[in-house]
């Protein structure tokens, strides 16, 4: 995903755009006709607005899987300290690992935070010792096991 942090959005969103976005966040399969009825506008208008929001990058259509149902029972956040000049190289290498579902370069104690999904503790151990620790530029890691997901939203 291309970073857009700090970039101002070129187009302003109005109340109709925001309603469409919120409706799609609640149920990505919401019918345009139902949204149009709630807003008292035509389904064609909603379709045009929706397509514009996708084209401009406000909406992205994806299927979200449940990792537990996919056999991924061990999840963790991992803080990574890198050799400073290799920070972005490390991030680029981490992209290739199937276990890694989220990567963010951060400020503070760690240089990179990743989220990983593994099938079990043994799989996580193998990831950390056989893959992550062998990435050139990784100096130190600290893992934080997910014990319970209390809130999960897709903004």
C-alpha atoms as a PDB file:
ATOM      1  CA  UNK A   1       0.000   0.000   0.000  1.00  0.00           C
ATOM      2  CA  UNK A   2       1.394   3.377  -0.963  1.00  0.00           C
ATOM      3  CA  UNK A   3       1.845   5.722   1.989  1.00  0.00           C
ATOM      4  CA  UNK A   4      -0.373   8.773   2.011  1.00  0.00           C
ATOM      5  CA  UNK A   5       0.493   9.988   5.507  1.00  0.00           C
ATOM      6  CA  UNK A   6       0.850  13.765   5.464  1.00  0.00           C
ATOM      7  CA  UNK A   7      -0.676  14.165   2.009  1.00  0.00           C
ATOM      8  CA  UNK A   8      -3.705  16.423   1.823  1.00  0.00           C
ATOM      9  CA  UNK A   9      -6.663  14.970  -0.013  1.00  0.00           C
ATOM     10  CA  UNK A  10      -7.278  16.834  -3.255  1.00  0.00           C
ATOM     11  CA  UNK A  11     -11.062  16.549  -3.188  1.00  0.00           C
ATOM     12  CA  UNK A  12     -13.406  17.491  -0.383  1.00  0.00           C
ATOM     13  CA  UNK A  13     -15.983  14.983   0.701  1.00  0.00           C
ATOM     14  CA  UNK A  14     -19.554  16.052   1.270  1.00  0.00           C
ATOM     15  CA  UNK A  15     -22.241  14.479   3.434  1.00  0.00           C
ATOM     16  CA  UNK A  16     -23.340  12.085   0.677  1.00  0.00           C
ATOM     17  CA  UNK A  17     -19.771  10.848   0.155  1.00  0.00           C
ATOM     18  CA  UNK A  18     -19.373  10.314   3.899  1.00  0.00           C
ATOM     19  CA  UNK A  19     -22.679   8.444   4.107  1.00  0.00           C
ATOM     20  CA  UNK A  20     -21.575   6.126   1.281  1.00  0.00           C
ATOM     21  CA  UNK A  21     -18.199   5.517   2.950  1.00  0.00           C
ATOM     22  CA  UNK A  22     -19.807   4.748   6.312  1.00  0.00           C
ATOM     23  CA  UNK A  23     -22.413   2.481   4.734  1.00  0.00           C
ATOM     24  CA  UNK A  24     -19.696   0.549   2.903  1.00  0.00           C
ATOM     25  CA  UNK A  25     -17.592   0.278   6.066  1.00  0.00           C
ATOM     26  CA  UNK A  26     -20.559  -1.250   7.892  1.00  0.00           C
ATOM     27  CA  UNK A  27     -21.415  -3.622   5.034  1.00  0.00           C
ATOM     28  CA  UNK A  28     -19.264  -3.649   1.905  1.00  0.00           C
ATOM     29  CA  UNK A  29     -22.085  -5.330   0.012  1.00  0.00           C
ATOM     30  CA  UNK A  30     -24.709  -2.699   0.800  1.00  0.00           C
ATOM     31  CA  UNK A  31     -26.962  -2.168  -2.210  1.00  0.00           C
ATOM     32  CA  UNK A  32     -26.685   1.201  -3.937  1.00  0.00           C
ATOM     33  CA  UNK A  33     -30.496   1.288  -4.091  1.00  0.00           C
ATOM     34  CA  UNK A  34     -30.738   1.031  -0.291  1.00  0.00           C
ATOM     35  CA  UNK A  35     -28.202   3.822   0.205  1.00  0.00           C
ATOM     36  CA  UNK A  36     -29.987   5.939  -2.396  1.00  0.00           C
ATOM     37  CA  UNK A  37     -33.320   5.382  -0.664  1.00  0.00           C
ATOM     38  CA  UNK A  38     -31.908   6.509   2.676  1.00  0.00           C
ATOM     39  CA  UNK A  39     -30.468   9.651   1.067  1.00  0.00           C
ATOM     40  CA  UNK A  40     -33.489  10.254  -1.175  1.00  0.00           C
ATOM     41  CA  UNK A  41     -31.370  10.311  -4.343  1.00  0.00           C
ATOM     42  CA  UNK A  42     -31.088   7.996  -7.363  1.00  0.00           C
ATOM     43  CA  UNK A  43     -29.116   4.742  -7.306  1.00  0.00           C
ATOM     44  CA  UNK A  44     -27.248   6.044 -10.371  1.00  0.00           C
ATOM     45  CA  UNK A  45     -25.958   8.974  -8.350  1.00  0.00           C
ATOM     46  CA  UNK A  46     -24.723   6.614  -5.620  1.00  0.00           C
ATOM     47  CA  UNK A  47     -23.028   4.414  -8.227  1.00  0.00           C
ATOM     48  CA  UNK A  48     -21.249   7.453  -9.727  1.00  0.00           C
ATOM     49  CA  UNK A  49     -20.188   8.725  -6.306  1.00  0.00           C
ATOM     50  CA  UNK A  50     -19.007   5.251  -5.284  1.00  0.00           C
ATOM     51  CA  UNK A  51     -16.938   4.856  -8.470  1.00  0.00           C
ATOM     52  CA  UNK A  52     -15.428   8.323  -7.910  1.00  0.00           C
ATOM     53  CA  UNK A  53     -14.514   7.448  -4.304  1.00  0.00           C
ATOM     54  CA  UNK A  54     -12.795   4.248  -5.498  1.00  0.00           C
ATOM     55  CA  UNK A  55     -10.971   6.047  -8.321  1.00  0.00           C
ATOM     56  CA  UNK A  56      -9.717   8.789  -5.972  1.00  0.00           C
ATOM     57  CA  UNK A  57      -8.542   6.204  -3.439  1.00  0.00           C
ATOM     58  CA  UNK A  58     -10.992   6.936  -0.618  1.00  0.00           C
ATOM     59  CA  UNK A  59     -12.451   3.431  -0.902  1.00  0.00           C
ATOM     60  CA  UNK A  60     -10.683   0.177  -1.640  1.00  0.00           C
ATOM     61  CA  UNK A  61     -12.687  -2.956  -2.254  1.00  0.00           C
ATOM     62  CA  UNK A  62     -11.196  -6.059  -0.580  1.00  0.00           C
ATOM     63  CA  UNK A  63     -12.297  -9.298   1.036  1.00  0.00           C
ATOM     64  CA  UNK A  64     -11.258  -9.525   4.681  1.00  0.00           C
ATOM     65  CA  UNK A  65     -10.569 -13.038   5.890  1.00  0.00           C
ATOM     66  CA  UNK A  66     -10.827 -14.246   9.455  1.00  0.00           C
ATOM     67  CA  UNK A  67      -7.311 -15.463  10.351  1.00  0.00           C
ATOM     68  CA  UNK A  68      -8.669 -17.857  12.978  1.00  0.00           C
ATOM     69  CA  UNK A  69     -10.845 -19.579  10.382  1.00  0.00           C
ATOM     70  CA  UNK A  70      -7.829 -19.704   8.041  1.00  0.00           C
ATOM     71  CA  UNK A  71      -5.813 -21.684  10.608  1.00  0.00           C
ATOM     72  CA  UNK A  72      -3.791 -18.742  11.939  1.00  0.00           C
ATOM     73  CA  UNK A  73      -4.193 -19.114  15.694  1.00  0.00           C
ATOM     74  CA  UNK A  74      -1.068 -17.255  16.851  1.00  0.00           C
ATOM     75  CA  UNK A  75      -0.841 -13.531  16.224  1.00  0.00           C
ATOM     76  CA  UNK A  76       1.782 -11.080  17.404  1.00  0.00           C
ATOM     77  CA  UNK A  77       3.039  -7.551  17.004  1.00  0.00           C
ATOM     78  CA  UNK A  78       6.819  -7.368  16.698  1.00  0.00           C
ATOM     79  CA  UNK A  79       8.892  -4.268  17.302  1.00  0.00           C
ATOM     80  CA  UNK A  80      12.089  -4.215  15.249  1.00  0.00           C
ATOM     81  CA  UNK A  81      15.222  -2.121  15.731  1.00  0.00           C
ATOM     82  CA  UNK A  82      17.343  -1.817  12.628  1.00  0.00           C
ATOM     83  CA  UNK A  83      20.664  -0.444  11.527  1.00  0.00           C
ATOM     84  CA  UNK A  84      19.439   3.101  10.836  1.00  0.00           C
ATOM     85  CA  UNK A  85      20.602   3.324   7.249  1.00  0.00           C
ATOM     86  CA  UNK A  86      18.980  -0.043   6.432  1.00  0.00           C
ATOM     87  CA  UNK A  87      15.544   0.672   7.923  1.00  0.00           C
ATOM     88  CA  UNK A  88      13.671   0.952   4.608  1.00  0.00           C
ATOM     89  CA  UNK A  89      15.623  -1.959   3.100  1.00  0.00           C
ATOM     90  CA  UNK A  90      14.511  -4.121   6.039  1.00  0.00           C
ATOM     91  CA  UNK A  91      10.890  -3.033   5.562  1.00  0.00           C
ATOM     92  CA  UNK A  92      11.098  -3.966   1.864  1.00  0.00           C
ATOM     93  CA  UNK A  93      12.464  -7.425   2.742  1.00  0.00           C
ATOM     94  CA  UNK A  94       9.699  -8.042   5.302  1.00  0.00           C
ATOM     95  CA  UNK A  95       7.052  -7.538   2.604  1.00  0.00           C
ATOM     96  CA  UNK A  96       8.026 -10.907   1.118  1.00  0.00           C
ATOM     97  CA  UNK A  97       7.167 -12.962   4.213  1.00  0.00           C
ATOM     98  CA  UNK A  98       3.702 -14.562   4.123  1.00  0.00           C
ATOM     99  CA  UNK A  99       3.380 -14.357   7.905  1.00  0.00           C
ATOM    100  CA  UNK A 100       3.640 -10.548   7.866  1.00  0.00           C
ATOM    101  CA  UNK A 101       0.260  -8.852   7.382  1.00  0.00           C
ATOM    102  CA  UNK A 102       1.115  -5.301   8.466  1.00  0.00           C
ATOM    103  CA  UNK A 103       4.303  -3.237   8.331  1.00  0.00           C
ATOM    104  CA  UNK A 104       4.747   0.328   9.509  1.00  0.00           C
ATOM    105  CA  UNK A 105       7.897   2.418   9.880  1.00  0.00           C
ATOM    106  CA  UNK A 106       7.591   4.297  13.168  1.00  0.00           C
ATOM    107  CA  UNK A 107       9.342   6.745  15.433  1.00  0.00           C
ATOM    108  CA  UNK A 108      10.240   5.909  19.000  1.00  0.00           C
ATOM    109  CA  UNK A 109      11.782   2.826  20.559  1.00  0.00           C
ATOM    110  CA  UNK A 110      11.425   0.723  17.413  1.00  0.00           C
ATOM    111  CA  UNK A 111      12.076   1.540  13.776  1.00  0.00           C
ATOM    112  CA  UNK A 112       9.503  -0.866  12.362  1.00  0.00           C
ATOM    113  CA  UNK A 113       6.410  -2.543  13.791  1.00  0.00           C
ATOM    114  CA  UNK A 114       4.985  -5.613  12.092  1.00  0.00           C
ATOM    115  CA  UNK A 115       1.972  -7.784  12.733  1.00  0.00           C
ATOM    116  CA  UNK A 116       2.301 -11.474  11.987  1.00  0.00           C
ATOM    117  CA  UNK A 117      -0.187 -14.324  11.773  1.00  0.00           C
ATOM    118  CA  UNK A 118       1.155 -17.853  12.337  1.00  0.00           C
ATOM    119  CA  UNK A 119      -0.505 -21.220  12.675  1.00  0.00           C
ATOM    120  CA  UNK A 120       0.861 -21.853  16.182  1.00  0.00           C
ATOM    121  CA  UNK A 121       3.660 -20.957  18.614  1.00  0.00           C
ATOM    122  CA  UNK A 122       6.092 -23.272  16.863  1.00  0.00           C
ATOM    123  CA  UNK A 123       5.381 -21.551  13.555  1.00  0.00           C
ATOM    124  CA  UNK A 124       5.974 -18.139  15.185  1.00  0.00           C
ATOM    125  CA  UNK A 125       9.252 -19.373  16.666  1.00  0.00           C
ATOM    126  CA  UNK A 126      10.359 -20.618  13.249  1.00  0.00           C
ATOM    127  CA  UNK A 127       9.429 -17.264  11.684  1.00  0.00           C
ATOM    128  CA  UNK A 128      11.415 -15.317  14.272  1.00  0.00           C
ATOM    129  CA  UNK A 129      14.496 -17.555  14.263  1.00  0.00           C
ATOM    130  CA  UNK A 130      14.675 -18.758  10.665  1.00  0.00           C
ATOM    131  CA  UNK A 131      13.383 -15.724   8.790  1.00  0.00           C
ATOM    132  CA  UNK A 132      13.203 -12.475  10.748  1.00  0.00           C
ATOM    133  CA  UNK A 133      16.513 -12.786  12.593  1.00  0.00           C
ATOM    134  CA  UNK A 134      18.323 -13.510   9.318  1.00  0.00           C
ATOM    135  CA  UNK A 135      17.204 -10.298   7.587  1.00  0.00           C
ATOM    136  CA  UNK A 136      20.261  -8.116   7.054  1.00  0.00           C
ATOM    137  CA  UNK A 137      19.843  -4.930   9.074  1.00  0.00           C
ATOM    138  CA  UNK A 138      17.658  -6.344  11.856  1.00  0.00           C
ATOM    139  CA  UNK A 139      19.443  -5.636  15.162  1.00  0.00           C
ATOM    140  CA  UNK A 140      16.843  -6.473  17.783  1.00  0.00           C
ATOM    141  CA  UNK A 141      13.213  -7.592  18.058  1.00  0.00           C
ATOM    142  CA  UNK A 142      10.580  -7.708  20.755  1.00  0.00           C
ATOM    143  CA  UNK A 143       7.383  -9.670  20.304  1.00  0.00           C
ATOM    144  CA  UNK A 144       3.975  -8.955  21.791  1.00  0.00           C
ATOM    145  CA  UNK A 145       1.575 -11.897  21.589  1.00  0.00           C
ATOM    146  CA  UNK A 146      -2.077 -11.154  20.937  1.00  0.00           C
ATOM    147  CA  UNK A 147      -4.020 -12.463  23.900  1.00  0.00           C
ATOM    148  CA  UNK A 148      -7.421 -11.104  22.911  1.00  0.00           C
ATOM    149  CA  UNK A 149      -8.603  -8.808  20.152  1.00  0.00           C
ATOM    150  CA  UNK A 150     -10.867  -6.323  21.898  1.00  0.00           C
ATOM    151  CA  UNK A 151     -11.562  -4.009  18.951  1.00  0.00           C
ATOM    152  CA  UNK A 152     -10.933  -4.458  15.265  1.00  0.00           C
ATOM    153  CA  UNK A 153     -12.143  -2.028  12.636  1.00  0.00           C
ATOM    154  CA  UNK A 154     -11.132  -1.321   9.073  1.00  0.00           C
ATOM    155  CA  UNK A 155     -11.035   2.414   8.669  1.00  0.00           C
END
